[in-house]
Structure formats: structure tokens, C-alpha cells
Amino acid sequence: AVASIQRVFHPPYARLHQEADQLLQQPRAIVFKGESGEAEIKPQAQSTVYLLEDGRSHQLLFPRSISQRAHSVEFPSVEPLRDLWSGTATDDYGLAATLATTTAGLLAVSPGLDLESAQHQALLLWQNRNRSRLC
């Protein structure tokens, strides 16, 4: 693959994953502590993202973008995702997580892209999304 995105539940394992990517000669990779171990940047916490670019390791700090924690979901449903995507509902946490995770993905696949530019590009992608696609 051109790039990989990995998440860890325990932050100390991020470096181990990055070292494995180096041994496997993965050209580009991102590793971070995900939300409950998921491959999602936590917008309610500052996140260290480990970026591997052609054998060189970098750390990026994703700042906290919202103050409140996500509410627990009793039963998973795709409806909140569809509503956020279509614009019929707002969800500060969902939007912040989407933008931050998209930013990480863009950094993984775009050599030379800095954090601020990736954040701007993620926002443009969100603003220009096809709102009818998930309906």
C-alpha cells in the first residue's frame, strides 16, 4: 500500500507499530491512539500522531478541538452518520472526529503536506462532499 493508518489502544505501542512499519519498509504510515481503540482521532483530547515518511519518523500534535466527551451509544445506528453527512443534523463531536481523522489520512497519503494544510484540505473535502451519497 502507498500508506497505512493504524490505531492503538495503549499509546506506548505506537512506537512499536511504527518500528514494524520501518522493518516492513512501508513508505508512509500513521499511528495514533484512537477513540476507544478505533481508527478515529479523538477530538476531545490532544493526540500525538506518529508519521513515518520514507523511513523517517515524525511526531505531530493534533490539538484538542472540542471540550465535551462523546456520549455513549446504547445501540449503534447509521442514522446519526447519515444525518451528519446530509446536513439534516449537527454533531460537534462527529464533525470534529471526521475532520481530524480525514486530516490524518491526508497526511498519510500526501508527501510534504503539513498539518495546517491538511486540516484546510479536510475542511474543503467536507464542505464539498456529495450530501446525497449516503442517503
C-alpha atoms as a PDB file:
ATOM      1  CA  ALA A   1       0.000   0.000   0.000  1.00  0.00           C
ATOM      2  CA  VAL A   2       1.085   3.561  -0.575  1.00  0.00           C
ATOM      3  CA  ALA A   3       0.276   4.315   3.066  1.00  0.00           C
ATOM      4  CA  SER A   4      -1.276   2.773   6.138  1.00  0.00           C
ATOM      5  CA  ILE A   5      -3.230   4.087   9.090  1.00  0.00           C
ATOM      6  CA  GLN A   6      -3.056   2.208  12.352  1.00  0.00           C
ATOM      7  CA  ARG A   7      -4.539   2.917  15.705  1.00  0.00           C
ATOM      8  CA  VAL A   8      -3.512   1.632  19.080  1.00  0.00           C
ATOM      9  CA  PHE A   9      -5.399   1.443  22.343  1.00  0.00           C
ATOM     10  CA  HIS A  10      -2.311   1.851  24.533  1.00  0.00           C
ATOM     11  CA  PRO A  11      -0.111   4.819  23.470  1.00  0.00           C
ATOM     12  CA  PRO A  12       3.221   3.127  24.309  1.00  0.00           C
ATOM     13  CA  TYR A  13       2.564   0.650  21.472  1.00  0.00           C
ATOM     14  CA  ALA A  14       2.502   3.408  18.841  1.00  0.00           C
ATOM     15  CA  ARG A  15       6.297   3.435  18.568  1.00  0.00           C
ATOM     16  CA  LEU A  16       6.373  -0.368  18.278  1.00  0.00           C
ATOM     17  CA  HIS A  17       3.909  -0.231  15.376  1.00  0.00           C
ATOM     18  CA  GLN A  18       5.951   2.487  13.725  1.00  0.00           C
ATOM     19  CA  GLU A  19       9.123   0.420  14.094  1.00  0.00           C
ATOM     20  CA  ALA A  20       7.326  -2.547  12.498  1.00  0.00           C
ATOM     21  CA  ASP A  21       6.344  -0.295   9.571  1.00  0.00           C
ATOM     22  CA  GLN A  22      10.005   0.648   9.173  1.00  0.00           C
ATOM     23  CA  LEU A  23      11.078  -3.010   9.172  1.00  0.00           C
ATOM     24  CA  LEU A  24       8.393  -3.778   6.574  1.00  0.00           C
ATOM     25  CA  GLN A  25       9.631  -0.821   4.508  1.00  0.00           C
ATOM     26  CA  GLN A  26       6.192   0.789   4.496  1.00  0.00           C
ATOM     27  CA  PRO A  27       6.786   4.078   2.640  1.00  0.00           C
ATOM     28  CA  ARG A  28       4.228   6.108   4.610  1.00  0.00           C
ATOM     29  CA  ALA A  29       2.304   5.282   7.762  1.00  0.00           C
ATOM     30  CA  ILE A  30       0.375   6.971  10.533  1.00  0.00           C
ATOM     31  CA  VAL A  31      -0.124   5.531  14.013  1.00  0.00           C
ATOM     32  CA  PHE A  32      -2.175   7.114  16.805  1.00  0.00           C
ATOM     33  CA  LYS A  33      -4.235   6.293  19.881  1.00  0.00           C
ATOM     34  CA  GLY A  34      -7.756   6.075  18.581  1.00  0.00           C
ATOM     35  CA  GLU A  35     -11.078   6.739  20.240  1.00  0.00           C
ATOM     36  CA  SER A  36     -11.615   3.603  22.343  1.00  0.00           C
ATOM     37  CA  GLY A  37      -9.017   1.953  20.151  1.00  0.00           C
ATOM     38  CA  GLU A  38     -10.866   2.792  16.913  1.00  0.00           C
ATOM     39  CA  ALA A  39      -9.115   4.375  13.935  1.00  0.00           C
ATOM     40  CA  GLU A  40     -10.566   7.773  14.799  1.00  0.00           C
ATOM     41  CA  ILE A  41      -8.754  10.816  16.130  1.00  0.00           C
ATOM     42  CA  LYS A  42     -10.213  11.848  19.490  1.00  0.00           C
ATOM     43  CA  PRO A  43     -11.268  15.494  19.143  1.00  0.00           C
ATOM     44  CA  GLN A  44     -11.771  15.903  22.915  1.00  0.00           C
ATOM     45  CA  ALA A  45      -8.110  15.123  23.630  1.00  0.00           C
ATOM     46  CA  GLN A  46      -4.734  16.227  22.391  1.00  0.00           C
ATOM     47  CA  SER A  47      -3.430  13.423  20.165  1.00  0.00           C
ATOM     48  CA  THR A  48       0.120  12.520  19.240  1.00  0.00           C
ATOM     49  CA  VAL A  49       0.254  11.191  15.700  1.00  0.00           C
ATOM     50  CA  TYR A  50       3.329   9.273  14.577  1.00  0.00           C
ATOM     51  CA  LEU A  51       4.048   9.801  10.897  1.00  0.00           C
ATOM     52  CA  LEU A  52       6.517   7.639   9.011  1.00  0.00           C
ATOM     53  CA  GLU A  53       7.778   9.119   5.740  1.00  0.00           C
ATOM     54  CA  ASP A  54      10.316   7.145   3.722  1.00  0.00           C
ATOM     55  CA  GLY A  55      11.924   5.655   6.832  1.00  0.00           C
ATOM     56  CA  ARG A  56      11.918   8.908   8.803  1.00  0.00           C
ATOM     57  CA  SER A  57       9.755   9.253  11.873  1.00  0.00           C
ATOM     58  CA  HIS A  58       7.928  12.455  12.841  1.00  0.00           C
ATOM     59  CA  GLN A  59       5.519  13.258  15.630  1.00  0.00           C
ATOM     60  CA  LEU A  60       2.631  15.627  15.088  1.00  0.00           C
ATOM     61  CA  LEU A  61       0.419  17.027  17.801  1.00  0.00           C
ATOM     62  CA  PHE A  62      -3.263  17.255  16.953  1.00  0.00           C
ATOM     63  CA  PRO A  63      -4.746  19.790  19.375  1.00  0.00           C
ATOM     64  CA  ARG A  64      -7.991  19.236  21.242  1.00  0.00           C
ATOM     65  CA  SER A  65     -10.777  20.720  19.121  1.00  0.00           C
ATOM     66  CA  ILE A  66     -13.797  20.253  21.400  1.00  0.00           C
ATOM     67  CA  SER A  67     -14.155  20.208  25.162  1.00  0.00           C
ATOM     68  CA  GLN A  68     -17.024  17.768  25.700  1.00  0.00           C
ATOM     69  CA  ARG A  69     -16.751  13.988  25.655  1.00  0.00           C
ATOM     70  CA  ALA A  70     -18.787  11.831  23.328  1.00  0.00           C
ATOM     71  CA  HIS A  71     -21.993  10.400  24.726  1.00  0.00           C
ATOM     72  CA  SER A  72     -22.198   6.639  24.988  1.00  0.00           C
ATOM     73  CA  VAL A  73     -24.357   4.948  22.387  1.00  0.00           C
ATOM     74  CA  GLU A  74     -26.636   2.226  23.676  1.00  0.00           C
ATOM     75  CA  PHE A  75     -27.386   0.753  20.253  1.00  0.00           C
ATOM     76  CA  PRO A  76     -25.195   1.508  17.213  1.00  0.00           C
ATOM     77  CA  SER A  77     -27.019   3.086  14.294  1.00  0.00           C
ATOM     78  CA  VAL A  78     -26.028   4.563  10.955  1.00  0.00           C
ATOM     79  CA  GLU A  79     -28.754   7.226  11.170  1.00  0.00           C
ATOM     80  CA  PRO A  80     -26.635   9.812  13.047  1.00  0.00           C
ATOM     81  CA  LEU A  81     -23.891   9.383  10.427  1.00  0.00           C
ATOM     82  CA  ARG A  82     -26.363   9.821   7.581  1.00  0.00           C
ATOM     83  CA  ASP A  83     -27.895  12.870   9.254  1.00  0.00           C
ATOM     84  CA  LEU A  84     -24.490  14.479   9.802  1.00  0.00           C
ATOM     85  CA  TRP A  85     -23.419  13.699   6.247  1.00  0.00           C
ATOM     86  CA  SER A  86     -26.610  15.069   4.695  1.00  0.00           C
ATOM     87  CA  GLY A  87     -26.599  18.155   6.906  1.00  0.00           C
ATOM     88  CA  THR A  88     -30.005  17.441   8.454  1.00  0.00           C
ATOM     89  CA  ALA A  89     -28.424  17.260  11.930  1.00  0.00           C
ATOM     90  CA  THR A  90     -25.398  18.682  13.678  1.00  0.00           C
ATOM     91  CA  ASP A  91     -22.972  16.787  15.848  1.00  0.00           C
ATOM     92  CA  ASP A  92     -19.959  18.737  17.068  1.00  0.00           C
ATOM     93  CA  TYR A  93     -18.135  15.610  18.165  1.00  0.00           C
ATOM     94  CA  GLY A  94     -18.879  13.687  14.958  1.00  0.00           C
ATOM     95  CA  LEU A  95     -17.783  16.558  12.745  1.00  0.00           C
ATOM     96  CA  ALA A  96     -14.604  17.207  14.732  1.00  0.00           C
ATOM     97  CA  ALA A  97     -13.684  13.495  14.690  1.00  0.00           C
ATOM     98  CA  THR A  98     -14.382  13.295  10.957  1.00  0.00           C
ATOM     99  CA  LEU A  99     -12.246  16.334  10.151  1.00  0.00           C
ATOM    100  CA  ALA A 100      -9.339  15.275  12.387  1.00  0.00           C
ATOM    101  CA  THR A 101      -9.328  11.702  11.077  1.00  0.00           C
ATOM    102  CA  THR A 102      -9.515  12.930   7.485  1.00  0.00           C
ATOM    103  CA  THR A 103      -6.581  15.226   8.253  1.00  0.00           C
ATOM    104  CA  ALA A 104      -4.569  12.230   9.485  1.00  0.00           C
ATOM    105  CA  GLY A 105      -5.470  10.275   6.353  1.00  0.00           C
ATOM    106  CA  LEU A 106      -4.388  13.134   4.112  1.00  0.00           C
ATOM    107  CA  LEU A 107      -1.056  13.357   5.929  1.00  0.00           C
ATOM    108  CA  ALA A 108      -0.584   9.630   5.405  1.00  0.00           C
ATOM    109  CA  VAL A 109      -1.038   9.786   1.631  1.00  0.00           C
ATOM    110  CA  SER A 110       0.334  13.247   0.809  1.00  0.00           C
ATOM    111  CA  PRO A 111       4.116  13.671   0.989  1.00  0.00           C
ATOM    112  CA  GLY A 112       5.150  17.153   2.076  1.00  0.00           C
ATOM    113  CA  LEU A 113       1.711  18.176   3.346  1.00  0.00           C
ATOM    114  CA  ASP A 114       1.871  19.994   6.686  1.00  0.00           C
ATOM    115  CA  LEU A 115      -0.740  19.754   9.437  1.00  0.00           C
ATOM    116  CA  GLU A 116      -2.361  23.130   8.780  1.00  0.00           C
ATOM    117  CA  SER A 117      -2.669  22.484   5.041  1.00  0.00           C
ATOM    118  CA  ALA A 118      -4.084  19.004   5.689  1.00  0.00           C
ATOM    119  CA  GLN A 119      -6.654  20.473   8.098  1.00  0.00           C
ATOM    120  CA  HIS A 120      -7.687  23.031   5.474  1.00  0.00           C
ATOM    121  CA  GLN A 121      -7.920  20.355   2.775  1.00  0.00           C
ATOM    122  CA  ALA A 122     -10.011  18.120   5.073  1.00  0.00           C
ATOM    123  CA  LEU A 123     -12.424  21.002   5.667  1.00  0.00           C
ATOM    124  CA  LEU A 124     -12.722  21.668   1.927  1.00  0.00           C
ATOM    125  CA  LEU A 125     -13.416  17.973   1.280  1.00  0.00           C
ATOM    126  CA  TRP A 126     -16.145  18.053   3.934  1.00  0.00           C
ATOM    127  CA  GLN A 127     -17.711  21.242   2.591  1.00  0.00           C
ATOM    128  CA  ASN A 128     -17.719  19.885  -0.976  1.00  0.00           C
ATOM    129  CA  ARG A 129     -18.974  16.357  -0.157  1.00  0.00           C
ATOM    130  CA  ASN A 130     -21.834  14.864  -2.136  1.00  0.00           C
ATOM    131  CA  ARG A 131     -24.549  15.138   0.537  1.00  0.00           C
ATOM    132  CA  SER A 132     -26.861  12.741  -1.257  1.00  0.00           C
ATOM    133  CA  ARG A 133     -24.299   9.933  -1.462  1.00  0.00           C
ATOM    134  CA  LEU A 134     -25.168   8.186   1.843  1.00  0.00           C
ATOM    135  CA  CYS A 135     -28.918   8.630   1.650  1.00  0.00           C
END
